[in-house]
Amino acid sequence: MIGRDADVTTLTRLLYIAYFLEVGLILVLVPWSVFWERNYFADTLPLVRAIIKNHFARGAISGIGVLNLVAGLADLRTLLRWERR
């Protein structure tokens, strides 16, 4: 039964890693794409439009994406080291 618990833990960690890497990649790339400016809320609310077009806001969101990528890669590194033992 211990082997099965380890398999479930490994699978859970892999899903966690995949989530962080995906979210990180999206948060890094999307603020600088055309998709970011084609936004219903930006079209209807001038305040949201000003925030969305602000390069500092885009950089902050991309920074959060980088943090997510780093967290996912750090956990992947830990998992790979743990699996070697």
N, C-alpha and C. Protein backbone atom coordinates (compact mmCIF):
# COMPACT_ATOMS: atom_id res chain seq x y z
N MET A 1 0.82 -1.20 0.00
CA MET A 1 0.00 0.00 0.00
C MET A 1 0.86 1.26 0.00
N ILE A 2 2.06 1.17 0.51
CA ILE A 2 2.93 2.34 0.57
C ILE A 2 3.30 2.80 -0.84
N GLY A 3 3.55 1.87 -1.75
CA GLY A 3 3.90 2.22 -3.12
C GLY A 3 2.79 2.99 -3.82
N ARG A 4 1.55 2.60 -3.55
CA ARG A 4 0.42 3.29 -4.16
C ARG A 4 0.30 4.71 -3.64
N ASP A 5 0.51 4.91 -2.36
CA ASP A 5 0.48 6.25 -1.78
C ASP A 5 1.57 7.13 -2.38
N ALA A 6 2.73 6.56 -2.61
CA ALA A 6 3.83 7.32 -3.22
C ALA A 6 3.48 7.69 -4.66
N ASP A 7 2.82 6.78 -5.38
CA ASP A 7 2.41 7.07 -6.76
C ASP A 7 1.38 8.21 -6.80
N VAL A 8 0.44 8.18 -5.87
CA VAL A 8 -0.58 9.23 -5.81
C VAL A 8 0.07 10.57 -5.46
N THR A 9 1.00 10.55 -4.53
CA THR A 9 1.71 11.77 -4.15
C THR A 9 2.50 12.32 -5.33
N THR A 10 3.17 11.46 -6.07
CA THR A 10 3.94 11.90 -7.23
C THR A 10 3.02 12.47 -8.30
N LEU A 11 1.91 11.82 -8.55
CA LEU A 11 0.96 12.32 -9.54
C LEU A 11 0.38 13.67 -9.12
N THR A 12 0.06 13.80 -7.85
CA THR A 12 -0.46 15.07 -7.34
C THR A 12 0.56 16.18 -7.51
N ARG A 13 1.81 15.88 -7.21
CA ARG A 13 2.86 16.89 -7.36
C ARG A 13 3.08 17.24 -8.82
N LEU A 14 2.99 16.27 -9.72
CA LEU A 14 3.14 16.55 -11.14
C LEU A 14 2.01 17.44 -11.66
N LEU A 15 0.80 17.20 -11.19
CA LEU A 15 -0.33 18.06 -11.57
C LEU A 15 -0.14 19.47 -11.03
N TYR A 16 0.35 19.57 -9.82
CA TYR A 16 0.64 20.86 -9.20
C TYR A 16 1.70 21.60 -10.01
N ILE A 17 2.74 20.91 -10.41
CA ILE A 17 3.82 21.50 -11.21
C ILE A 17 3.28 21.95 -12.56
N ALA A 18 2.48 21.10 -13.21
CA ALA A 18 1.92 21.46 -14.52
C ALA A 18 1.04 22.69 -14.41
N TYR A 19 0.27 22.78 -13.33
CA TYR A 19 -0.59 23.94 -13.11
C TYR A 19 0.25 25.21 -13.00
N PHE A 20 1.27 25.18 -12.17
CA PHE A 20 2.09 26.37 -11.97
C PHE A 20 2.83 26.77 -13.24
N LEU A 21 3.33 25.81 -13.98
CA LEU A 21 4.03 26.14 -15.22
C LEU A 21 3.08 26.73 -16.26
N GLU A 22 1.89 26.17 -16.35
CA GLU A 22 0.92 26.68 -17.32
C GLU A 22 0.45 28.09 -16.96
N VAL A 23 0.10 28.29 -15.72
CA VAL A 23 -0.36 29.61 -15.29
C VAL A 23 0.77 30.63 -15.45
N GLY A 24 1.98 30.24 -15.10
CA GLY A 24 3.11 31.14 -15.24
C GLY A 24 3.34 31.54 -16.68
N LEU A 25 3.28 30.59 -17.56
CA LEU A 25 3.49 30.88 -18.98
C LEU A 25 2.39 31.80 -19.52
N ILE A 26 1.17 31.54 -19.13
CA ILE A 26 0.06 32.39 -19.58
C ILE A 26 0.22 33.81 -19.05
N LEU A 27 0.58 33.94 -17.76
CA LEU A 27 0.72 35.27 -17.18
C LEU A 27 1.92 36.04 -17.73
N VAL A 28 2.91 35.34 -18.21
CA VAL A 28 4.05 36.02 -18.81
C VAL A 28 3.72 36.49 -20.22
N LEU A 29 3.03 35.69 -20.98
CA LEU A 29 2.82 35.99 -22.40
C LEU A 29 1.57 36.82 -22.72
N VAL A 30 0.47 36.55 -22.07
CA VAL A 30 -0.80 37.16 -22.46
C VAL A 30 -0.82 38.69 -22.29
N PRO A 31 -0.25 39.28 -21.23
CA PRO A 31 -0.32 40.74 -21.14
C PRO A 31 0.35 41.47 -22.30
N TRP A 32 1.21 40.83 -23.04
CA TRP A 32 1.91 41.48 -24.14
C TRP A 32 1.35 41.06 -25.50
N SER A 33 0.23 40.35 -25.51
CA SER A 33 -0.36 39.90 -26.77
C SER A 33 -1.53 40.81 -27.17
N VAL A 34 -2.00 40.62 -28.37
CA VAL A 34 -3.15 41.38 -28.87
C VAL A 34 -4.41 40.97 -28.11
N PHE A 35 -4.45 39.74 -27.67
CA PHE A 35 -5.61 39.23 -26.92
C PHE A 35 -5.88 40.08 -25.69
N TRP A 36 -4.83 40.60 -25.07
CA TRP A 36 -4.94 41.38 -23.84
C TRP A 36 -5.74 42.66 -24.07
N GLU A 37 -5.56 43.30 -25.20
CA GLU A 37 -6.24 44.56 -25.46
C GLU A 37 -7.66 44.38 -26.00
N ARG A 38 -7.98 43.22 -26.50
CA ARG A 38 -9.34 42.93 -26.96
C ARG A 38 -10.14 42.40 -25.78
N ASN A 39 -10.61 43.30 -24.95
CA ASN A 39 -11.23 42.93 -23.70
C ASN A 39 -12.56 43.69 -23.58
N TYR A 40 -13.60 42.97 -23.24
CA TYR A 40 -14.92 43.58 -23.10
C TYR A 40 -14.91 44.67 -22.05
N PHE A 41 -14.28 44.39 -20.91
CA PHE A 41 -14.28 45.35 -19.81
C PHE A 41 -13.46 46.59 -20.15
N ALA A 42 -12.39 46.41 -20.91
CA ALA A 42 -11.60 47.56 -21.32
C ALA A 42 -12.38 48.44 -22.29
N ASP A 43 -13.24 47.85 -23.08
CA ASP A 43 -14.04 48.62 -24.02
C ASP A 43 -15.16 49.40 -23.34
N THR A 44 -15.65 48.90 -22.22
CA THR A 44 -16.79 49.55 -21.57
C THR A 44 -16.39 50.44 -20.40
N LEU A 45 -15.26 50.17 -19.76
CA LEU A 45 -14.85 50.95 -18.59
C LEU A 45 -13.52 51.65 -18.85
N PRO A 46 -13.51 52.96 -18.88
CA PRO A 46 -12.27 53.69 -19.17
C PRO A 46 -11.17 53.43 -18.14
N LEU A 47 -11.52 53.25 -16.87
CA LEU A 47 -10.50 53.00 -15.84
C LEU A 47 -9.80 51.67 -16.10
N VAL A 48 -10.57 50.65 -16.45
CA VAL A 48 -9.97 49.34 -16.76
C VAL A 48 -9.10 49.45 -18.00
N ARG A 49 -9.54 50.21 -18.99
CA ARG A 49 -8.74 50.40 -20.20
C ARG A 49 -7.39 51.03 -19.87
N ALA A 50 -7.41 52.03 -19.00
CA ALA A 50 -6.16 52.70 -18.62
C ALA A 50 -5.22 51.74 -17.89
N ILE A 51 -5.77 50.90 -17.04
CA ILE A 51 -4.94 49.94 -16.30
C ILE A 51 -4.39 48.88 -17.24
N ILE A 52 -5.22 48.38 -18.13
CA ILE A 52 -4.79 47.32 -19.05
C ILE A 52 -3.71 47.80 -20.00
N LYS A 53 -3.78 49.04 -20.42
CA LYS A 53 -2.78 49.56 -21.36
C LYS A 53 -1.50 50.03 -20.67
N ASN A 54 -1.51 50.10 -19.36
CA ASN A 54 -0.35 50.55 -18.60
C ASN A 54 0.74 49.48 -18.63
N HIS A 55 1.94 49.85 -19.05
CA HIS A 55 3.04 48.90 -19.16
C HIS A 55 3.51 48.41 -17.79
N PHE A 56 3.36 49.23 -16.76
CA PHE A 56 3.74 48.80 -15.42
C PHE A 56 2.81 47.69 -14.92
N ALA A 57 1.52 47.81 -15.21
CA ALA A 57 0.57 46.76 -14.82
C ALA A 57 0.87 45.47 -15.58
N ARG A 58 1.17 45.60 -16.88
CA ARG A 58 1.53 44.42 -17.66
C ARG A 58 2.78 43.76 -17.10
N GLY A 59 3.76 44.57 -16.74
CA GLY A 59 5.00 44.04 -16.17
C GLY A 59 4.77 43.37 -14.83
N ALA A 60 3.89 43.93 -14.02
CA ALA A 60 3.58 43.32 -12.72
C ALA A 60 2.92 41.96 -12.90
N ILE A 61 2.01 41.86 -13.84
CA ILE A 61 1.34 40.58 -14.09
C ILE A 61 2.34 39.57 -14.66
N SER A 62 3.21 40.03 -15.53
CA SER A 62 4.25 39.14 -16.05
C SER A 62 5.20 38.71 -14.95
N GLY A 63 5.46 39.60 -14.00
CA GLY A 63 6.30 39.25 -12.85
C GLY A 63 5.67 38.16 -12.00
N ILE A 64 4.38 38.22 -11.82
CA ILE A 64 3.68 37.16 -11.09
C ILE A 64 3.79 35.85 -11.87
N GLY A 65 3.74 35.95 -13.19
CA GLY A 65 3.91 34.76 -14.03
C GLY A 65 5.30 34.16 -13.87
N VAL A 66 6.31 35.01 -13.79
CA VAL A 66 7.68 34.51 -13.59
C VAL A 66 7.79 33.82 -12.24
N LEU A 67 7.16 34.37 -11.22
CA LEU A 67 7.17 33.72 -9.91
C LEU A 67 6.51 32.34 -9.96
N ASN A 68 5.42 32.23 -10.71
CA ASN A 68 4.77 30.93 -10.88
C ASN A 68 5.67 29.95 -11.60
N LEU A 69 6.35 30.41 -12.64
CA LEU A 69 7.29 29.54 -13.36
C LEU A 69 8.41 29.07 -12.45
N VAL A 70 8.96 29.97 -11.67
CA VAL A 70 10.05 29.61 -10.75
C VAL A 70 9.56 28.60 -9.71
N ALA A 71 8.36 28.81 -9.18
CA ALA A 71 7.80 27.88 -8.20
C ALA A 71 7.60 26.49 -8.81
N GLY A 72 7.08 26.45 -10.03
CA GLY A 72 6.86 25.16 -10.69
C GLY A 72 8.17 24.45 -10.99
N LEU A 73 9.16 25.19 -11.47
CA LEU A 73 10.46 24.58 -11.77
C LEU A 73 11.19 24.13 -10.51
N ALA A 74 11.06 24.91 -9.43
CA ALA A 74 11.68 24.52 -8.17
C ALA A 74 11.05 23.24 -7.63
N ASP A 75 9.74 23.14 -7.74
CA ASP A 75 9.08 21.92 -7.27
C ASP A 75 9.42 20.74 -8.16
N LEU A 76 9.56 20.96 -9.45
CA LEU A 76 9.97 19.89 -10.37
C LEU A 76 11.37 19.40 -10.02
N ARG A 77 12.25 20.33 -9.74
CA ARG A 77 13.62 19.97 -9.34
C ARG A 77 13.61 19.14 -8.05
N THR A 78 12.82 19.57 -7.09
CA THR A 78 12.71 18.82 -5.83
C THR A 78 12.15 17.43 -6.07
N LEU A 79 11.14 17.33 -6.92
CA LEU A 79 10.53 16.03 -7.21
C LEU A 79 11.53 15.10 -7.90
N LEU A 80 12.29 15.63 -8.84
CA LEU A 80 13.26 14.79 -9.55
C LEU A 80 14.37 14.32 -8.61
N ARG A 81 14.81 15.17 -7.72
CA ARG A 81 15.82 14.76 -6.73
C ARG A 81 15.26 13.71 -5.78
N TRP A 82 13.98 13.87 -5.40
CA TRP A 82 13.34 12.94 -4.48
C TRP A 82 13.15 11.57 -5.14
N GLU A 83 12.82 11.56 -6.43
CA GLU A 83 12.60 10.31 -7.15
C GLU A 83 13.89 9.51 -7.33
N ARG A 84 15.03 10.19 -7.39
CA ARG A 84 16.30 9.48 -7.57
C ARG A 84 16.69 8.65 -6.36
N ARG A 85 16.21 9.05 -5.20
CA ARG A 85 16.58 8.33 -3.96
C ARG A 85 15.97 6.97 -3.89
